[in-house]
Amino acid sequence: MSATQSTILVVEDDAIVRMLIVDVLEELEYRVVEADGGEQALEVLQDQTRQINLMMTDVGLPGMDGRELAIEARKLRPALKVLFASGYAESIDVPNGMHMIGKPFSIDQLRDKVKKIID
């Protein structure tokens, strides 16, 4: 599957960080859907007509944190691939079948991680 057909849902409450991630992913020719938190992300995921290949979420979201979001997201889409981004990557227990990238990450790190998960 080529990158152009993959859609990534980016969940990040910091608008500047979200914009940077989206810019990088779009440059890599992924389609990107943005959400500023868990509730907005779940609304996107509830629309079963939308293809989402990967949800990339910040762990430290206000309200529902990234792990809670991932659990809810998997109820809607059991096969959903999840990538957590966290400044505390070492201390986080990543649920089975989910992935982690430490913040701050380079463009290359993000590209390699996303490619590895999606391909």
PDB file of N, CA and C in Angstrom:
ATOM      1  N   MET A   1       0.854  -1.182   0.000  1.00  0.00           N
ATOM      2  CA  MET A   1       0.000   0.000   0.000  1.00  0.00           C
ATOM      3  C   MET A   1       0.897   1.241   0.000  1.00  0.00           C
ATOM      4  N   SER A   2       0.626   2.163  -0.876  1.00  0.00           N
ATOM      5  CA  SER A   2       1.483   3.343  -0.923  1.00  0.00           C
ATOM      6  C   SER A   2       1.032   4.368   0.102  1.00  0.00           C
ATOM      7  N   ALA A   3       1.937   5.238   0.462  1.00  0.00           N
ATOM      8  CA  ALA A   3       1.653   6.245   1.475  1.00  0.00           C
ATOM      9  C   ALA A   3       0.458   7.099   1.089  1.00  0.00           C
ATOM     10  N   THR A   4       0.299   7.347  -0.194  1.00  0.00           N
ATOM     11  CA  THR A   4      -0.762   8.244  -0.626  1.00  0.00           C
ATOM     12  C   THR A   4      -2.147   7.724  -0.266  1.00  0.00           C
ATOM     13  N   GLN A   5      -2.275   6.430  -0.045  1.00  0.00           N
ATOM     14  CA  GLN A   5      -3.588   5.888   0.267  1.00  0.00           C
ATOM     15  C   GLN A   5      -3.840   5.801   1.765  1.00  0.00           C
ATOM     16  N   SER A   6      -2.842   6.084   2.570  1.00  0.00           N
ATOM     17  CA  SER A   6      -2.997   5.942   4.005  1.00  0.00           C
ATOM     18  C   SER A   6      -3.432   7.248   4.636  1.00  0.00           C
ATOM     19  N   THR A   7      -4.348   7.127   5.589  1.00  0.00           N
ATOM     20  CA  THR A   7      -4.847   8.301   6.299  1.00  0.00           C
ATOM     21  C   THR A   7      -4.478   8.188   7.766  1.00  0.00           C
ATOM     22  N   ILE A   8      -3.938   9.276   8.290  1.00  0.00           N
ATOM     23  CA  ILE A   8      -3.501   9.302   9.680  1.00  0.00           C
ATOM     24  C   ILE A   8      -4.331  10.334  10.443  1.00  0.00           C
ATOM     25  N   LEU A   9      -4.877   9.894  11.562  1.00  0.00           N
ATOM     26  CA  LEU A   9      -5.597  10.791  12.459  1.00  0.00           C
ATOM     27  C   LEU A   9      -4.603  11.283  13.501  1.00  0.00           C
ATOM     28  N   VAL A  10      -4.371  12.595  13.527  1.00  0.00           N
ATOM     29  CA  VAL A  10      -3.417  13.187  14.466  1.00  0.00           C
ATOM     30  C   VAL A  10      -4.194  13.861  15.594  1.00  0.00           C
ATOM     31  N   VAL A  11      -3.976  13.377  16.813  1.00  0.00           N
ATOM     32  CA  VAL A  11      -4.669  13.910  17.981  1.00  0.00           C
ATOM     33  C   VAL A  11      -3.640  14.600  18.868  1.00  0.00           C
ATOM     34  N   GLU A  12      -3.735  15.922  18.941  1.00  0.00           N
ATOM     35  CA  GLU A  12      -2.739  16.712  19.689  1.00  0.00           C
ATOM     36  C   GLU A  12      -3.425  18.001  20.112  1.00  0.00           C
ATOM     37  N   ASP A  13      -3.387  18.304  21.415  1.00  0.00           N
ATOM     38  CA  ASP A  13      -4.093  19.495  21.895  1.00  0.00           C
ATOM     39  C   ASP A  13      -3.300  20.782  21.683  1.00  0.00           C
ATOM     40  N   ASP A  14      -2.000  20.665  21.462  1.00  0.00           N
ATOM     41  CA  ASP A  14      -1.180  21.850  21.203  1.00  0.00           C
ATOM     42  C   ASP A  14      -1.229  22.147  19.703  1.00  0.00           C
ATOM     43  N   ALA A  15      -1.872  23.261  19.351  1.00  0.00           N
ATOM     44  CA  ALA A  15      -2.119  23.566  17.936  1.00  0.00           C
ATOM     45  C   ALA A  15      -0.836  23.674  17.129  1.00  0.00           C
ATOM     46  N   ILE A  16       0.209  24.231  17.717  1.00  0.00           N
ATOM     47  CA  ILE A  16       1.469  24.415  16.976  1.00  0.00           C
ATOM     48  C   ILE A  16       2.124  23.062  16.719  1.00  0.00           C
ATOM     49  N   VAL A  17       2.171  22.230  17.738  1.00  0.00           N
ATOM     50  CA  VAL A  17       2.748  20.890  17.585  1.00  0.00           C
ATOM     51  C   VAL A  17       1.940  20.098  16.558  1.00  0.00           C
ATOM     52  N   ARG A  18       0.611  20.200  16.659  1.00  0.00           N
ATOM     53  CA  ARG A  18      -0.252  19.473  15.728  1.00  0.00           C
ATOM     54  C   ARG A  18       0.012  19.918  14.293  1.00  0.00           C
ATOM     55  N   MET A  19       0.140  21.224  14.106  1.00  0.00           N
ATOM     56  CA  MET A  19       0.395  21.758  12.764  1.00  0.00           C
ATOM     57  C   MET A  19       1.713  21.227  12.206  1.00  0.00           C
ATOM     58  N   LEU A  20       2.741  21.180  13.041  1.00  0.00           N
ATOM     59  CA  LEU A  20       4.046  20.680  12.588  1.00  0.00           C
ATOM     60  C   LEU A  20       3.961  19.212  12.181  1.00  0.00           C
ATOM     61  N   ILE A  21       3.288  18.402  13.008  1.00  0.00           N
ATOM     62  CA  ILE A  21       3.143  16.974  12.698  1.00  0.00           C
ATOM     63  C   ILE A  21       2.376  16.797  11.394  1.00  0.00           C
ATOM     64  N   VAL A  22       1.287  17.544  11.260  1.00  0.00           N
ATOM     65  CA  VAL A  22       0.463  17.446  10.053  1.00  0.00           C
ATOM     66  C   VAL A  22       1.283  17.833   8.822  1.00  0.00           C
ATOM     67  N   ASP A  23       2.042  18.908   8.928  1.00  0.00           N
ATOM     68  CA  ASP A  23       2.878  19.343   7.799  1.00  0.00           C
ATOM     69  C   ASP A  23       3.846  18.249   7.370  1.00  0.00           C
ATOM     70  N   VAL A  24       4.496  17.628   8.351  1.00  0.00           N
ATOM     71  CA  VAL A  24       5.460  16.571   8.043  1.00  0.00           C
ATOM     72  C   VAL A  24       4.761  15.401   7.356  1.00  0.00           C
ATOM     73  N   LEU A  25       3.653  14.970   7.926  1.00  0.00           N
ATOM     74  CA  LEU A  25       2.952  13.808   7.365  1.00  0.00           C
ATOM     75  C   LEU A  25       2.413  14.094   5.967  1.00  0.00           C
ATOM     76  N   GLU A  26       1.939  15.317   5.762  1.00  0.00           N
ATOM     77  CA  GLU A  26       1.435  15.662   4.423  1.00  0.00           C
ATOM     78  C   GLU A  26       2.574  15.715   3.412  1.00  0.00           C
ATOM     79  N   GLU A  27       3.734  16.188   3.845  1.00  0.00           N
ATOM     80  CA  GLU A  27       4.900  16.174   2.952  1.00  0.00           C
ATOM     81  C   GLU A  27       5.282  14.754   2.565  1.00  0.00           C
ATOM     82  N   LEU A  28       5.031  13.822   3.466  1.00  0.00           N
ATOM     83  CA  LEU A  28       5.312  12.412   3.196  1.00  0.00           C
ATOM     84  C   LEU A  28       4.179  11.758   2.409  1.00  0.00           C
ATOM     85  N   GLU A  29       3.212  12.573   2.002  1.00  0.00           N
ATOM     86  CA  GLU A  29       2.097  12.158   1.140  1.00  0.00           C
ATOM     87  C   GLU A  29       1.066  11.283   1.833  1.00  0.00           C
ATOM     88  N   TYR A  30       0.937  11.460   3.140  1.00  0.00           N
ATOM     89  CA  TYR A  30      -0.181  10.826   3.832  1.00  0.00           C
ATOM     90  C   TYR A  30      -1.351  11.803   3.834  1.00  0.00           C
ATOM     91  N   ARG A  31      -2.555  11.254   3.874  1.00  0.00           N
ATOM     92  CA  ARG A  31      -3.720  12.105   4.129  1.00  0.00           C
ATOM     93  C   ARG A  31      -3.822  12.240   5.636  1.00  0.00           C
ATOM     94  N   VAL A  32      -4.142  13.428   6.109  1.00  0.00           N
ATOM     95  CA  VAL A  32      -4.159  13.668   7.544  1.00  0.00           C
ATOM     96  C   VAL A  32      -5.500  14.257   7.965  1.00  0.00           C
ATOM     97  N   VAL A  33      -6.023  13.717   9.061  1.00  0.00           N
ATOM     98  CA  VAL A  33      -7.210  14.265   9.702  1.00  0.00           C
ATOM     99  C   VAL A  33      -6.760  14.726  11.077  1.00  0.00           C
ATOM    100  N   GLU A  34      -7.188  15.926  11.483  1.00  0.00           N
ATOM    101  CA  GLU A  34      -6.739  16.479  12.756  1.00  0.00           C
ATOM    102  C   GLU A  34      -7.836  16.438  13.798  1.00  0.00           C
ATOM    103  N   ALA A  35      -7.428  16.231  15.048  1.00  0.00           N
ATOM    104  CA  ALA A  35      -8.341  16.356  16.173  1.00  0.00           C
ATOM    105  C   ALA A  35      -7.577  17.012  17.316  1.00  0.00           C
ATOM    106  N   ASP A  36      -8.261  17.877  18.077  1.00  0.00           N
ATOM    107  CA  ASP A  36      -7.561  18.568  19.158  1.00  0.00           C
ATOM    108  C   ASP A  36      -7.726  17.867  20.502  1.00  0.00           C
ATOM    109  N   GLY A  37      -8.374  16.714  20.487  1.00  0.00           N
ATOM    110  CA  GLY A  37      -8.529  15.963  21.735  1.00  0.00           C
ATOM    111  C   GLY A  37      -9.310  14.690  21.500  1.00  0.00           C
ATOM    112  N   GLY A  38      -9.520  13.948  22.576  1.00  0.00           N
ATOM    113  CA  GLY A  38     -10.151  12.647  22.492  1.00  0.00           C
ATOM    114  C   GLY A  38     -11.558  12.663  21.918  1.00  0.00           C
ATOM    115  N   GLU A  39     -12.360  13.625  22.364  1.00  0.00           N
ATOM    116  CA  GLU A  39     -13.752  13.635  21.899  1.00  0.00           C
ATOM    117  C   GLU A  39     -13.828  13.850  20.396  1.00  0.00           C
ATOM    118  N   GLN A  40     -13.054  14.796  19.915  1.00  0.00           N
ATOM    119  CA  GLN A  40     -13.050  15.080  18.475  1.00  0.00           C
ATOM    120  C   GLN A  40     -12.523  13.866  17.702  1.00  0.00           C
ATOM    121  N   ALA A  41     -11.513  13.205  18.243  1.00  0.00           N
ATOM    122  CA  ALA A  41     -10.953  12.025  17.588  1.00  0.00           C
ATOM    123  C   ALA A  41     -11.991  10.911  17.487  1.00  0.00           C
ATOM    124  N   LEU A  42     -12.737  10.698  18.556  1.00  0.00           N
ATOM    125  CA  LEU A  42     -13.744   9.631  18.548  1.00  0.00           C
ATOM    126  C   LEU A  42     -14.868   9.938  17.558  1.00  0.00           C
ATOM    127  N   GLU A  43     -15.197  11.216  17.412  1.00  0.00           N
ATOM    128  CA  GLU A  43     -16.204  11.592  16.405  1.00  0.00           C
ATOM    129  C   GLU A  43     -15.735  11.194  15.009  1.00  0.00           C
ATOM    130  N   VAL A  44     -14.465  11.443  14.728  1.00  0.00           N
ATOM    131  CA  VAL A  44     -13.903  11.066  13.433  1.00  0.00           C
ATOM    132  C   VAL A  44     -13.971   9.550  13.252  1.00  0.00           C
ATOM    133  N   LEU A  45     -13.584   8.820  14.298  1.00  0.00           N
ATOM    134  CA  LEU A  45     -13.519   7.368  14.210  1.00  0.00           C
ATOM    135  C   LEU A  45     -14.914   6.728  14.117  1.00  0.00           C
ATOM    136  N   GLN A  46     -15.917   7.410  14.644  1.00  0.00           N
ATOM    137  CA  GLN A  46     -17.277   6.866  14.581  1.00  0.00           C
ATOM    138  C   GLN A  46     -17.807   6.851  13.156  1.00  0.00           C
ATOM    139  N   ASP A  47     -17.248   7.713  12.312  1.00  0.00           N
ATOM    140  CA  ASP A  47     -17.667   7.759  10.908  1.00  0.00           C
ATOM    141  C   ASP A  47     -16.978   6.615  10.163  1.00  0.00           C
ATOM    142  N   GLN A  48     -17.685   5.508  10.050  1.00  0.00           N
ATOM    143  CA  GLN A  48     -17.079   4.301   9.477  1.00  0.00           C
ATOM    144  C   GLN A  48     -16.789   4.435   7.976  1.00  0.00           C
ATOM    145  N   THR A  49     -17.306   5.485   7.350  1.00  0.00           N
ATOM    146  CA  THR A  49     -17.004   5.679   5.927  1.00  0.00           C
ATOM    147  C   THR A  49     -15.591   6.240   5.741  1.00  0.00           C
ATOM    148  N   ARG A  50     -14.998   6.752   6.821  1.00  0.00           N
ATOM    149  CA  ARG A  50     -13.645   7.321   6.718  1.00  0.00           C
ATOM    150  C   ARG A  50     -12.612   6.251   6.961  1.00  0.00           C
ATOM    151  N   GLN A  51     -11.647   6.220   6.070  1.00  0.00           N
ATOM    152  CA  GLN A  51     -10.531   5.284   6.238  1.00  0.00           C
ATOM    153  C   GLN A  51      -9.502   5.948   7.143  1.00  0.00           C
ATOM    154  N   ILE A  52      -9.171   5.285   8.232  1.00  0.00           N
ATOM    155  CA  ILE A  52      -8.099   5.752   9.115  1.00  0.00           C
ATOM    156  C   ILE A  52      -7.139   4.575   9.291  1.00  0.00           C
ATOM    157  N   ASN A  53      -5.904   4.736   8.835  1.00  0.00           N
ATOM    158  CA  ASN A  53      -4.921   3.653   8.913  1.00  0.00           C
ATOM    159  C   ASN A  53      -4.127   3.693  10.218  1.00  0.00           C
ATOM    160  N   LEU A  54      -4.039   4.886  10.793  1.00  0.00           N
ATOM    161  CA  LEU A  54      -3.223   5.057  11.987  1.00  0.00           C
ATOM    162  C   LEU A  54      -3.739   6.245  12.767  1.00  0.00           C
ATOM    163  N   MET A  55      -3.816   6.085  14.083  1.00  0.00           N
ATOM    164  CA  MET A  55      -4.105   7.231  14.940  1.00  0.00           C
ATOM    165  C   MET A  55      -2.837   7.553  15.707  1.00  0.00           C
ATOM    166  N   MET A  56      -2.350   8.755  15.515  1.00  0.00           N
ATOM    167  CA  MET A  56      -1.188   9.220  16.264  1.00  0.00           C
ATOM    168  C   MET A  56      -1.699  10.175  17.324  1.00  0.00           C
ATOM    169  N   THR A  57      -1.483   9.835  18.585  1.00  0.00           N
ATOM    170  CA  THR A  57      -2.025  10.669  19.647  1.00  0.00           C
ATOM    171  C   THR A  57      -0.987  11.019  20.696  1.00  0.00           C
ATOM    172  N   ASP A  58      -1.100  12.235  21.195  1.00  0.00           N
ATOM    173  CA  ASP A  58      -0.309  12.652  22.334  1.00  0.00           C
ATOM    174  C   ASP A  58      -0.827  11.858  23.532  1.00  0.00           C
ATOM    175  N   VAL A  59       0.050  11.467  24.436  1.00  0.00           N
ATOM    176  CA  VAL A  59      -0.407  10.755  25.632  1.00  0.00           C
ATOM    177  C   VAL A  59      -1.070  11.745  26.588  1.00  0.00           C
ATOM    178  N   GLY A  60      -0.453  12.920  26.744  1.00  0.00           N
ATOM    179  CA  GLY A  60      -0.934  13.888  27.722  1.00  0.00           C
ATOM    180  C   GLY A  60      -1.988  14.826  27.163  1.00  0.00           C
ATOM    181  N   LEU A  61      -3.162  14.286  26.898  1.00  0.00           N
ATOM    182  CA  LEU A  61      -4.259  15.130  26.431  1.00  0.00           C
ATOM    183  C   LEU A  61      -5.090  15.572  27.631  1.00  0.00           C
ATOM    184  N   PRO A  62      -5.696  16.764  27.537  1.00  0.00           N
ATOM    185  CA  PRO A  62      -6.587  17.170  28.630  1.00  0.00           C
ATOM    186  C   PRO A  62      -7.856  16.322  28.602  1.00  0.00           C
ATOM    187  N   GLY A  63      -8.426  16.078  29.765  1.00  0.00           N
ATOM    188  CA  GLY A  63      -9.637  15.252  29.816  1.00  0.00           C
ATOM    189  C   GLY A  63      -9.246  13.792  29.656  1.00  0.00           C
ATOM    190  N   MET A  64      -9.656  13.210  28.545  1.00  0.00           N
ATOM    191  CA  MET A  64      -9.329  11.815  28.248  1.00  0.00           C
ATOM    192  C   MET A  64      -7.882  11.753  27.759  1.00  0.00           C
ATOM    193  N   ASP A  65      -7.025  10.976  28.445  1.00  0.00           N
ATOM    194  CA  ASP A  65      -5.637  10.931  27.977  1.00  0.00           C
ATOM    195  C   ASP A  65      -5.492   9.991  26.785  1.00  0.00           C
ATOM    196  N   GLY A  66      -4.317   9.966  26.210  1.00  0.00           N
ATOM    197  CA  GLY A  66      -4.104   9.213  24.978  1.00  0.00           C
ATOM    198  C   GLY A  66      -4.389   7.732  25.099  1.00  0.00           C
ATOM    199  N   ARG A  67      -4.042   7.154  26.265  1.00  0.00           N
ATOM    200  CA  ARG A  67      -4.294   5.723  26.429  1.00  0.00           C
ATOM    201  C   ARG A  67      -5.782   5.418  26.536  1.00  0.00           C
ATOM    202  N   GLU A  68      -6.503   6.262  27.272  1.00  0.00           N
ATOM    203  CA  GLU A  68      -7.958   6.084  27.364  1.00  0.00           C
ATOM    204  C   GLU A  68      -8.587   6.221  25.983  1.00  0.00           C
ATOM    205  N   LEU A  69      -8.088   7.203  25.239  1.00  0.00           N
ATOM    206  CA  LEU A  69      -8.579   7.409  23.870  1.00  0.00           C
ATOM    207  C   LEU A  69      -8.330   6.162  23.020  1.00  0.00           C
ATOM    208  N   ALA A  70      -7.137   5.591  23.140  1.00  0.00           N
ATOM    209  CA  ALA A  70      -6.796   4.412  22.339  1.00  0.00           C
ATOM    210  C   ALA A  70      -7.735   3.243  22.651  1.00  0.00           C
ATOM    211  N   ILE A  71      -8.055   3.074  23.927  1.00  0.00           N
ATOM    212  CA  ILE A  71      -8.961   1.985  24.326  1.00  0.00           C
ATOM    213  C   ILE A  71     -10.344   2.200  23.717  1.00  0.00           C
ATOM    214  N   GLU A  72     -10.843   3.441  23.790  1.00  0.00           N
ATOM    215  CA  GLU A  72     -12.153   3.758  23.199  1.00  0.00           C
ATOM    216  C   GLU A  72     -12.103   3.612  21.680  1.00  0.00           C
ATOM    217  N   ALA A  73     -11.003   4.058  21.085  1.00  0.00           N
ATOM    218  CA  ALA A  73     -10.862   3.993  19.626  1.00  0.00           C
ATOM    219  C   ALA A  73     -10.889   2.548  19.144  1.00  0.00           C
ATOM    220  N   ARG A  74     -10.250   1.658  19.900  1.00  0.00           N
ATOM    221  CA  ARG A  74     -10.205   0.248  19.521  1.00  0.00           C
ATOM    222  C   ARG A  74     -11.577  -0.422  19.645  1.00  0.00           C
ATOM    223  N   LYS A  75     -12.439   0.143  20.499  1.00  0.00           N
ATOM    224  CA  LYS A  75     -13.812  -0.390  20.583  1.00  0.00           C
ATOM    225  C   LYS A  75     -14.542  -0.092  19.276  1.00  0.00           C
ATOM    226  N   LEU A  76     -14.261   1.079  18.718  1.00  0.00           N
ATOM    227  CA  LEU A  76     -14.893   1.475  17.454  1.00  0.00           C
ATOM    228  C   LEU A  76     -14.236   0.790  16.268  1.00  0.00           C
ATOM    229  N   ARG A  77     -12.923   0.671  16.329  1.00  0.00           N
ATOM    230  CA  ARG A  77     -12.141   0.092  15.226  1.00  0.00           C
ATOM    231  C   ARG A  77     -11.086  -0.834  15.816  1.00  0.00           C
ATOM    232  N   PRO A  78     -11.446  -2.103  16.001  1.00  0.00           N
ATOM    233  CA  PRO A  78     -10.548  -3.039  16.701  1.00  0.00           C
ATOM    234  C   PRO A  78      -9.167  -3.186  16.059  1.00  0.00           C
ATOM    235  N   ALA A  79      -9.062  -2.973  14.763  1.00  0.00           N
ATOM    236  CA  ALA A  79      -7.771  -3.173  14.087  1.00  0.00           C
ATOM    237  C   ALA A  79      -6.954  -1.885  13.983  1.00  0.00           C
ATOM    238  N   LEU A  80      -7.443  -0.798  14.570  1.00  0.00           N
ATOM    239  CA  LEU A  80      -6.768   0.494  14.426  1.00  0.00           C
ATOM    240  C   LEU A  80      -5.342   0.446  14.972  1.00  0.00           C
ATOM    241  N   LYS A  81      -4.416   0.952  14.167  1.00  0.00           N
ATOM    242  CA  LYS A  81      -3.022   1.066  14.615  1.00  0.00           C
ATOM    243  C   LYS A  81      -2.886   2.385  15.367  1.00  0.00           C
ATOM    244  N   VAL A  82      -2.152   2.339  16.472  1.00  0.00           N
ATOM    245  CA  VAL A  82      -2.030   3.514  17.329  1.00  0.00           C
ATOM    246  C   VAL A  82      -0.553   3.820  17.583  1.00  0.00           C
ATOM    247  N   LEU A  83      -0.221   5.100  17.447  1.00  0.00           N
ATOM    248  CA  LEU A  83       1.127   5.574  17.766  1.00  0.00           C
ATOM    249  C   LEU A  83       1.007   6.660  18.827  1.00  0.00           C
ATOM    250  N   PHE A  84       1.587   6.413  19.990  1.00  0.00           N
ATOM    251  CA  PHE A  84       1.590   7.416  21.049  1.00  0.00           C
ATOM    252  C   PHE A  84       2.823   8.293  20.922  1.00  0.00           C
ATOM    253  N   ALA A  85       2.652   9.580  21.176  1.00  0.00           N
ATOM    254  CA  ALA A  85       3.786  10.498  21.241  1.00  0.00           C
ATOM    255  C   ALA A  85       3.848  11.019  22.669  1.00  0.00           C
ATOM    256  N   SER A  86       5.030  10.942  23.269  1.00  0.00           N
ATOM    257  CA  SER A  86       5.143  11.393  24.648  1.00  0.00           C
ATOM    258  C   SER A  86       6.543  11.863  24.962  1.00  0.00           C
ATOM    259  N   GLY A  87       6.612  12.887  25.784  1.00  0.00           N
ATOM    260  CA  GLY A  87       7.900  13.356  26.277  1.00  0.00           C
ATOM    261  C   GLY A  87       8.445  12.451  27.364  1.00  0.00           C
ATOM    262  N   TYR A  88       7.611  11.499  27.798  1.00  0.00           N
ATOM    263  CA  TYR A  88       8.028  10.579  28.861  1.00  0.00           C
ATOM    264  C   TYR A  88       7.980   9.152  28.348  1.00  0.00           C
ATOM    265  N   ALA A  89       8.493   8.949  27.148  1.00  0.00           N
ATOM    266  CA  ALA A  89       8.332   7.666  26.455  1.00  0.00           C
ATOM    267  C   ALA A  89       8.807   6.472  27.280  1.00  0.00           C
ATOM    268  N   GLU A  90       9.922   6.632  28.006  1.00  0.00           N
ATOM    269  CA  GLU A  90      10.501   5.483  28.702  1.00  0.00           C
ATOM    270  C   GLU A  90       9.574   4.985  29.803  1.00  0.00           C
ATOM    271  N   SER A  91       8.824   5.909  30.401  1.00  0.00           N
ATOM    272  CA  SER A  91       8.047   5.531  31.586  1.00  0.00           C
ATOM    273  C   SER A  91       6.639   5.063  31.228  1.00  0.00           C
ATOM    274  N   ILE A  92       6.357   4.934  29.956  1.00  0.00           N
ATOM    275  CA  ILE A  92       4.991   4.604  29.570  1.00  0.00           C
ATOM    276  C   ILE A  92       4.866   3.159  29.133  1.00  0.00           C
ATOM    277  N   ASP A  93       3.842   2.544  29.659  1.00  0.00           N
ATOM    278  CA  ASP A  93       3.538   1.163  29.331  1.00  0.00           C
ATOM    279  C   ASP A  93       2.648   1.184  28.091  1.00  0.00           C
ATOM    280  N   VAL A  94       3.143   0.713  26.983  1.00  0.00           N
ATOM    281  CA  VAL A  94       2.367   0.771  25.748  1.00  0.00           C
ATOM    282  C   VAL A  94       1.546  -0.505  25.607  1.00  0.00           C
ATOM    283  N   PRO A  95       0.231  -0.367  25.448  1.00  0.00           N
ATOM    284  CA  PRO A  95      -0.596  -1.564  25.286  1.00  0.00           C
ATOM    285  C   PRO A  95      -0.167  -2.379  24.067  1.00  0.00           C
ATOM    286  N   ASN A  96      -0.468  -3.641  24.111  1.00  0.00           N
ATOM    287  CA  ASN A  96      -0.105  -4.563  23.049  1.00  0.00           C
ATOM    288  C   ASN A  96      -0.601  -4.077  21.687  1.00  0.00           C
ATOM    289  N   GLY A  97       0.254  -4.163  20.682  1.00  0.00           N
ATOM    290  CA  GLY A  97      -0.146  -3.788  19.332  1.00  0.00           C
ATOM    291  C   GLY A  97      -0.167  -2.292  19.102  1.00  0.00           C
ATOM    292  N   MET A  98       0.342  -1.528  20.071  1.00  0.00           N
ATOM    293  CA  MET A  98       0.423  -0.082  19.895  1.00  0.00           C
ATOM    294  C   MET A  98       1.886   0.328  19.941  1.00  0.00           C
ATOM    295  N   HIS A  99       2.168   1.521  19.486  1.00  0.00           N
ATOM    296  CA  HIS A  99       3.554   1.962  19.311  1.00  0.00           C
ATOM    297  C   HIS A  99       3.786   3.288  20.022  1.00  0.00           C
ATOM    298  N   MET A 100       5.059   3.629  20.191  1.00  0.00           N
ATOM    299  CA  MET A 100       5.429   4.824  20.932  1.00  0.00           C
ATOM    300  C   MET A 100       6.548   5.557  20.211  1.00  0.00           C
ATOM    301  N   ILE A 101       6.464   6.884  20.213  1.00  0.00           N
ATOM    302  CA  ILE A 101       7.586   7.706  19.751  1.00  0.00           C
ATOM    303  C   ILE A 101       7.813   8.774  20.813  1.00  0.00           C
ATOM    304  N   GLY A 102       9.079   8.957  21.180  1.00  0.00           N
ATOM    305  CA  GLY A 102       9.397   9.941  22.212  1.00  0.00           C
ATOM    306  C   GLY A 102       9.449  11.343  21.639  1.00  0.00           C
ATOM    307  N   LYS A 103       8.951  12.314  22.413  1.00  0.00           N
ATOM    308  CA  LYS A 103       9.068  13.721  22.027  1.00  0.00           C
ATOM    309  C   LYS A 103      10.285  14.290  22.732  1.00  0.00           C
ATOM    310  N   PRO A 104      11.017  15.194  22.139  1.00  0.00           N
ATOM    311  CA  PRO A 104      10.818  15.650  20.750  1.00  0.00           C
ATOM    312  C   PRO A 104      11.376  14.617  19.771  1.00  0.00           C
ATOM    313  N   PHE A 105      10.742  14.504  18.622  1.00  0.00           N
ATOM    314  CA  PHE A 105      11.231  13.569  17.611  1.00  0.00           C
ATOM    315  C   PHE A 105      11.592  14.345  16.353  1.00  0.00           C
ATOM    316  N   SER A 106      12.514  13.783  15.592  1.00  0.00           N
ATOM    317  CA  SER A 106      12.901  14.424  14.337  1.00  0.00           C
ATOM    318  C   SER A 106      11.925  14.013  13.239  1.00  0.00           C
ATOM    319  N   ILE A 107      11.963  14.739  12.154  1.00  0.00           N
ATOM    320  CA  ILE A 107      11.136  14.407  10.995  1.00  0.00           C
ATOM    321  C   ILE A 107      11.461  12.998  10.516  1.00  0.00           C
ATOM    322  N   ASP A 108      12.745  12.653  10.489  1.00  0.00           N
ATOM    323  CA  ASP A 108      13.149  11.316  10.044  1.00  0.00           C
ATOM    324  C   ASP A 108      12.616  10.231  10.963  1.00  0.00           C
ATOM    325  N   GLN A 109      12.684  10.486  12.273  1.00  0.00           N
ATOM    326  CA  GLN A 109      12.173   9.497  13.231  1.00  0.00           C
ATOM    327  C   GLN A 109      10.677   9.282  13.019  1.00  0.00           C
ATOM    328  N   LEU A 110       9.956  10.372  12.836  1.00  0.00           N
ATOM    329  CA  LEU A 110       8.513  10.270  12.635  1.00  0.00           C
ATOM    330  C   LEU A 110       8.211   9.513  11.347  1.00  0.00           C
ATOM    331  N   ARG A 111       8.913   9.869  10.291  1.00  0.00           N
ATOM    332  CA  ARG A 111       8.693   9.203   9.000  1.00  0.00           C
ATOM    333  C   ARG A 111       8.947   7.698   9.113  1.00  0.00           C
ATOM    334  N   ASP A 112      10.088   7.339   9.700  1.00  0.00           N
ATOM    335  CA  ASP A 112      10.458   5.923   9.792  1.00  0.00           C
ATOM    336  C   ASP A 112       9.467   5.142  10.639  1.00  0.00           C
ATOM    337  N   LYS A 113       9.034   5.756  11.747  1.00  0.00           N
ATOM    338  CA  LYS A 113       8.110   5.086  12.646  1.00  0.00           C
ATOM    339  C   LYS A 113       6.765   4.850  11.971  1.00  0.00           C
ATOM    340  N   VAL A 114       6.258   5.890  11.329  1.00  0.00           N
ATOM    341  CA  VAL A 114       4.951   5.793  10.677  1.00  0.00           C
ATOM    342  C   VAL A 114       4.990   4.770   9.545  1.00  0.00           C
ATOM    343  N   LYS A 115       6.039   4.815   8.749  1.00  0.00           N
ATOM    344  CA  LYS A 115       6.183   3.860   7.646  1.00  0.00           C
ATOM    345  C   LYS A 115       6.199   2.431   8.169  1.00  0.00           C
ATOM    346  N   LYS A 116       6.953   2.217   9.248  1.00  0.00           N
ATOM    347  CA  LYS A 116       7.085   0.872   9.810  1.00  0.00           C
ATOM    348  C   LYS A 116       5.729   0.356  10.289  1.00  0.00           C
ATOM    349  N   ILE A 117       4.949   1.238  10.895  1.00  0.00           N
ATOM    350  CA  ILE A 117       3.647   0.816  11.430  1.00  0.00           C
ATOM    351  C   ILE A 117       2.660   0.555  10.302  1.00  0.00           C
ATOM    352  N   ILE A 118       2.623   1.448   9.327  1.00  0.00           N
ATOM    353  CA  ILE A 118       1.600   1.342   8.276  1.00  0.00           C
ATOM    354  C   ILE A 118       1.918   0.257   7.260  1.00  0.00           C
ATOM    355  N   ASP A 119       3.192   0.082   6.931  1.00  0.00           N
ATOM    356  CA  ASP A 119       3.535  -0.892   5.871  1.00  0.00           C
ATOM    357  C   ASP A 119       3.452  -2.329   6.364  1.00  0.00           C
TER     358      ASP A 119
END
